[in-house]
C-alpha cells in the first residue's frame, strides 16, 4: 500500500512540474482534432443523423490524408447498410 501511495505521489509531482494538473486527462480524439482542426466524431455523427433520419449508426472512423474525413457506417430505416463520408474539417456530409 505504501508503494502505491509513493508512486501516486511521484506521478502527481511529475505532472505538476510539467505544468499540467494531474487530473487533466485529454481524450485522444479531442487532442488530435485540436491539433489538426478536425471536428469531433460526435459532430460527424450528428450530421449523418440529420441527413438520414431514423438511421442507426453502426460504426465510425477517421480516415486521414490530404482531405481527412469520417467514414460513418449506418443502417437506414429501410434496412440498407451505407457508408457515409463526412468532411472532418467542416463536419458536412459529402454527397
N, C-alpha and C. Protein backbone atom coordinates (compact mmCIF):
# COMPACT_ATOMS: atom_id res chain seq x y z
N UNK A 1 0.82 -1.19 0.00
CA UNK A 1 0.00 0.00 0.00
C UNK A 1 0.87 1.26 0.00
N UNK A 2 1.96 1.23 0.78
CA UNK A 2 2.86 2.37 0.84
C UNK A 2 3.50 2.62 -0.52
N UNK A 3 3.84 1.56 -1.23
CA UNK A 3 4.45 1.71 -2.56
C UNK A 3 3.48 2.37 -3.53
N UNK A 4 2.22 2.00 -3.45
CA UNK A 4 1.22 2.58 -4.35
C UNK A 4 1.07 4.07 -4.07
N UNK A 5 0.99 4.43 -2.79
CA UNK A 5 0.87 5.84 -2.44
C UNK A 5 2.10 6.62 -2.87
N UNK A 6 3.26 6.05 -2.70
CA UNK A 6 4.50 6.70 -3.13
C UNK A 6 4.50 6.92 -4.63
N UNK A 7 4.08 5.90 -5.37
CA UNK A 7 4.02 6.00 -6.83
C UNK A 7 3.04 7.09 -7.25
N UNK A 8 1.86 7.12 -6.63
CA UNK A 8 0.87 8.14 -6.97
C UNK A 8 1.38 9.54 -6.66
N UNK A 9 2.01 9.69 -5.52
CA UNK A 9 2.56 11.00 -5.15
C UNK A 9 3.64 11.42 -6.14
N UNK A 10 4.47 10.50 -6.57
CA UNK A 10 5.51 10.79 -7.56
C UNK A 10 4.89 11.24 -8.87
N UNK A 11 3.84 10.57 -9.30
CA UNK A 11 3.17 10.93 -10.54
C UNK A 11 2.52 12.31 -10.46
N UNK A 12 1.91 12.62 -9.32
CA UNK A 12 1.29 13.93 -9.14
C UNK A 12 2.36 15.01 -9.19
N UNK A 13 3.48 14.79 -8.53
CA UNK A 13 4.57 15.77 -8.54
C UNK A 13 5.13 15.96 -9.94
N UNK A 14 5.31 14.87 -10.65
CA UNK A 14 5.84 14.95 -12.02
C UNK A 14 4.88 15.72 -12.92
N UNK A 15 3.60 15.48 -12.78
CA UNK A 15 2.61 16.18 -13.59
C UNK A 15 2.60 17.67 -13.28
N UNK A 16 2.72 18.02 -12.02
CA UNK A 16 2.72 19.44 -11.67
C UNK A 16 3.97 20.14 -12.17
N UNK A 17 5.08 19.44 -12.20
CA UNK A 17 6.31 20.02 -12.74
C UNK A 17 6.22 20.24 -14.24
N UNK A 18 5.41 19.45 -14.92
CA UNK A 18 5.25 19.58 -16.36
C UNK A 18 4.24 20.67 -16.70
N UNK A 19 3.60 21.25 -15.71
CA UNK A 19 2.67 22.34 -15.96
C UNK A 19 1.25 21.90 -16.20
N UNK A 20 0.95 20.63 -16.07
CA UNK A 20 -0.41 20.13 -16.29
C UNK A 20 -0.92 19.54 -14.99
N UNK A 21 -2.16 19.84 -14.64
CA UNK A 21 -2.71 19.23 -13.43
C UNK A 21 -2.80 17.72 -13.59
N UNK A 22 -2.62 17.01 -12.50
CA UNK A 22 -2.62 15.55 -12.55
C UNK A 22 -3.95 15.00 -13.03
N UNK A 23 -5.05 15.72 -12.79
CA UNK A 23 -6.36 15.22 -13.18
C UNK A 23 -6.74 15.59 -14.61
N UNK A 24 -5.90 16.33 -15.31
CA UNK A 24 -6.23 16.79 -16.66
C UNK A 24 -6.00 15.68 -17.66
N UNK A 25 -7.01 14.91 -17.91
CA UNK A 25 -6.93 13.84 -18.90
C UNK A 25 -7.60 14.33 -20.17
N UNK A 26 -6.87 14.34 -21.25
CA UNK A 26 -7.40 14.81 -22.53
C UNK A 26 -7.73 13.60 -23.38
N UNK A 27 -8.95 13.58 -23.90
CA UNK A 27 -9.38 12.48 -24.76
C UNK A 27 -8.54 12.50 -26.04
N UNK A 28 -8.12 11.33 -26.50
CA UNK A 28 -7.26 11.21 -27.67
C UNK A 28 -7.84 11.91 -28.89
N UNK A 29 -9.12 11.69 -29.18
CA UNK A 29 -9.74 12.31 -30.35
C UNK A 29 -9.78 13.82 -30.22
N UNK A 30 -10.04 14.31 -29.01
CA UNK A 30 -10.11 15.74 -28.79
C UNK A 30 -8.74 16.38 -29.03
N UNK A 31 -7.68 15.77 -28.52
CA UNK A 31 -6.33 16.31 -28.70
C UNK A 31 -5.96 16.31 -30.17
N UNK A 32 -6.29 15.24 -30.88
CA UNK A 32 -5.98 15.16 -32.32
C UNK A 32 -6.77 16.20 -33.09
N UNK A 33 -8.05 16.37 -32.77
CA UNK A 33 -8.88 17.31 -33.51
C UNK A 33 -8.40 18.75 -33.30
N UNK A 34 -7.94 19.07 -32.10
CA UNK A 34 -7.43 20.41 -31.86
C UNK A 34 -6.15 20.65 -32.64
N UNK A 35 -5.29 19.67 -32.75
CA UNK A 35 -4.03 19.83 -33.45
C UNK A 35 -4.24 19.91 -34.96
N UNK A 36 -5.23 19.24 -35.50
CA UNK A 36 -5.46 19.17 -36.94
C UNK A 36 -6.67 19.97 -37.41
N UNK A 37 -7.33 20.74 -36.56
CA UNK A 37 -8.54 21.48 -36.90
C UNK A 37 -9.60 20.54 -37.46
N UNK A 38 -9.80 19.42 -36.80
CA UNK A 38 -10.77 18.42 -37.20
C UNK A 38 -11.89 18.41 -36.17
N UNK A 39 -13.12 18.36 -36.67
CA UNK A 39 -14.27 18.34 -35.76
C UNK A 39 -14.31 17.00 -35.04
N UNK A 40 -14.89 16.97 -33.84
CA UNK A 40 -15.02 15.69 -33.13
C UNK A 40 -15.97 14.75 -33.88
N UNK A 41 -15.81 13.45 -33.65
CA UNK A 41 -16.65 12.48 -34.31
C UNK A 41 -18.13 12.70 -33.98
N UNK A 42 -18.42 13.19 -32.79
CA UNK A 42 -19.82 13.43 -32.42
C UNK A 42 -20.49 14.42 -33.36
N UNK A 43 -19.75 15.39 -33.88
CA UNK A 43 -20.29 16.34 -34.85
C UNK A 43 -20.61 15.62 -36.15
N UNK A 44 -19.72 14.74 -36.58
CA UNK A 44 -19.94 13.97 -37.81
C UNK A 44 -21.15 13.06 -37.66
N UNK A 45 -21.29 12.40 -36.53
CA UNK A 45 -22.43 11.51 -36.30
C UNK A 45 -23.73 12.31 -36.30
N UNK A 46 -23.73 13.48 -35.69
CA UNK A 46 -24.93 14.33 -35.68
C UNK A 46 -25.32 14.74 -37.09
N UNK A 47 -24.34 15.06 -37.92
CA UNK A 47 -24.62 15.44 -39.31
C UNK A 47 -25.23 14.28 -40.08
N UNK A 48 -24.72 13.08 -39.84
CA UNK A 48 -25.27 11.89 -40.52
C UNK A 48 -26.69 11.63 -40.04
N UNK A 49 -26.94 11.74 -38.76
CA UNK A 49 -28.29 11.51 -38.23
C UNK A 49 -29.28 12.52 -38.79
N UNK A 50 -28.82 13.73 -39.02
CA UNK A 50 -29.70 14.76 -39.59
C UNK A 50 -29.97 14.46 -41.07
N UNK A 51 -28.95 13.99 -41.79
CA UNK A 51 -29.10 13.68 -43.22
C UNK A 51 -29.89 12.40 -43.46
N UNK A 52 -29.84 11.47 -42.50
CA UNK A 52 -30.53 10.18 -42.61
C UNK A 52 -31.36 9.94 -41.34
N UNK A 53 -32.50 10.63 -41.24
CA UNK A 53 -33.32 10.49 -40.03
C UNK A 53 -33.75 9.04 -39.80
N UNK A 54 -33.67 8.62 -38.57
CA UNK A 54 -34.09 7.27 -38.21
C UNK A 54 -33.05 6.20 -38.45
N UNK A 55 -31.90 6.57 -39.02
CA UNK A 55 -30.85 5.59 -39.28
C UNK A 55 -30.12 5.26 -37.98
N UNK A 56 -29.64 4.04 -37.92
CA UNK A 56 -28.85 3.59 -36.77
C UNK A 56 -27.37 3.67 -37.13
N UNK A 57 -26.59 4.33 -36.30
CA UNK A 57 -25.14 4.44 -36.53
C UNK A 57 -24.49 3.15 -36.03
N UNK A 58 -23.79 2.46 -36.94
CA UNK A 58 -23.16 1.20 -36.60
C UNK A 58 -21.71 1.37 -36.18
N UNK A 59 -20.98 2.25 -36.88
CA UNK A 59 -19.57 2.46 -36.56
C UNK A 59 -19.09 3.75 -37.21
N UNK A 60 -17.92 4.18 -36.81
CA UNK A 60 -17.32 5.37 -37.40
C UNK A 60 -15.82 5.34 -37.21
N UNK A 61 -15.12 5.92 -38.19
CA UNK A 61 -13.66 6.01 -38.07
C UNK A 61 -13.17 7.21 -38.85
N UNK A 62 -12.03 7.72 -38.45
CA UNK A 62 -11.39 8.85 -39.11
C UNK A 62 -10.42 8.32 -40.15
N UNK A 63 -10.55 8.84 -41.37
CA UNK A 63 -9.64 8.47 -42.46
C UNK A 63 -8.76 9.69 -42.72
N UNK A 64 -7.46 9.53 -42.44
CA UNK A 64 -6.52 10.64 -42.59
C UNK A 64 -6.09 10.77 -44.04
N UNK A 65 -5.48 11.88 -44.34
CA UNK A 65 -4.97 12.13 -45.68
C UNK A 65 -5.00 13.62 -45.94
N UNK A 66 -4.85 13.97 -47.21
CA UNK A 66 -4.86 15.38 -47.59
C UNK A 66 -6.20 16.03 -47.25
N UNK A 67 -7.28 15.29 -47.49
CA UNK A 67 -8.64 15.74 -47.17
C UNK A 67 -9.27 14.74 -46.21
N UNK A 68 -9.00 14.87 -44.91
CA UNK A 68 -9.49 13.88 -43.95
C UNK A 68 -11.01 13.86 -43.88
N UNK A 69 -11.55 12.69 -43.62
CA UNK A 69 -12.99 12.54 -43.50
C UNK A 69 -13.31 11.42 -42.52
N UNK A 70 -14.54 11.46 -42.02
CA UNK A 70 -15.04 10.37 -41.19
C UNK A 70 -15.85 9.44 -42.09
N UNK A 71 -15.66 8.15 -41.91
CA UNK A 71 -16.48 7.16 -42.58
C UNK A 71 -17.44 6.63 -41.52
N UNK A 72 -18.71 6.96 -41.65
CA UNK A 72 -19.73 6.57 -40.70
C UNK A 72 -20.61 5.51 -41.36
N UNK A 73 -20.64 4.33 -40.79
CA UNK A 73 -21.48 3.24 -41.31
C UNK A 73 -22.82 3.28 -40.60
N UNK A 74 -23.90 3.28 -41.41
CA UNK A 74 -25.25 3.35 -40.85
C UNK A 74 -26.13 2.24 -41.40
N UNK A 75 -27.21 2.01 -40.70
CA UNK A 75 -28.27 1.12 -41.16
C UNK A 75 -29.51 2.00 -41.30
N UNK A 76 -30.01 2.15 -42.55
CA UNK A 76 -31.14 3.03 -42.79
C UNK A 76 -32.44 2.40 -42.27
N UNK A 77 -33.48 3.20 -42.23
CA UNK A 77 -34.79 2.69 -41.81
C UNK A 77 -35.28 1.58 -42.73
N UNK A 78 -34.84 1.64 -43.99
CA UNK A 78 -35.23 0.64 -44.98
C UNK A 78 -34.40 -0.64 -44.88
N UNK A 79 -33.40 -0.63 -44.00
CA UNK A 79 -32.57 -1.82 -43.81
C UNK A 79 -31.32 -1.87 -44.67
N UNK A 80 -31.00 -0.78 -45.35
CA UNK A 80 -29.78 -0.73 -46.18
C UNK A 80 -28.60 -0.28 -45.32
N UNK A 81 -27.48 -0.91 -45.54
CA UNK A 81 -26.25 -0.52 -44.86
C UNK A 81 -25.50 0.42 -45.79
N UNK A 82 -25.16 1.61 -45.29
CA UNK A 82 -24.46 2.62 -46.08
C UNK A 82 -23.21 3.10 -45.37
N UNK A 83 -22.19 3.45 -46.14
CA UNK A 83 -21.02 4.14 -45.62
C UNK A 83 -21.15 5.60 -46.05
N UNK A 84 -21.23 6.49 -45.07
CA UNK A 84 -21.43 7.90 -45.34
C UNK A 84 -20.14 8.64 -44.99
N UNK A 85 -19.67 9.46 -45.92
CA UNK A 85 -18.47 10.26 -45.67
C UNK A 85 -18.86 11.63 -45.14
N UNK A 86 -18.13 12.06 -44.10
CA UNK A 86 -18.34 13.38 -43.51
C UNK A 86 -17.00 14.09 -43.51
N UNK A 87 -16.96 15.28 -44.09
CA UNK A 87 -15.73 16.06 -44.11
C UNK A 87 -15.29 16.32 -42.67
N UNK A 88 -14.07 15.94 -42.35
CA UNK A 88 -13.59 16.03 -40.96
C UNK A 88 -13.23 17.45 -40.55
N UNK A 89 -13.12 18.34 -41.51
CA UNK A 89 -12.79 19.72 -41.17
C UNK A 89 -14.03 20.60 -41.06
N UNK A 90 -15.04 20.33 -41.88
CA UNK A 90 -16.25 21.15 -41.85
C UNK A 90 -17.40 20.47 -41.10
N UNK A 91 -17.38 19.14 -41.01
CA UNK A 91 -18.47 18.41 -40.38
C UNK A 91 -19.67 18.21 -41.29
N UNK A 92 -19.51 18.45 -42.59
CA UNK A 92 -20.61 18.31 -43.54
C UNK A 92 -20.59 16.93 -44.21
N UNK A 93 -21.79 16.40 -44.42
CA UNK A 93 -21.91 15.11 -45.12
C UNK A 93 -21.52 15.34 -46.58
N UNK A 94 -20.66 14.46 -47.10
CA UNK A 94 -20.28 14.51 -48.51
C UNK A 94 -21.26 13.69 -49.31
N UNK A 95 -21.78 14.23 -50.35
CA UNK A 95 -22.74 13.52 -51.20
C UNK A 95 -22.09 13.11 -52.50
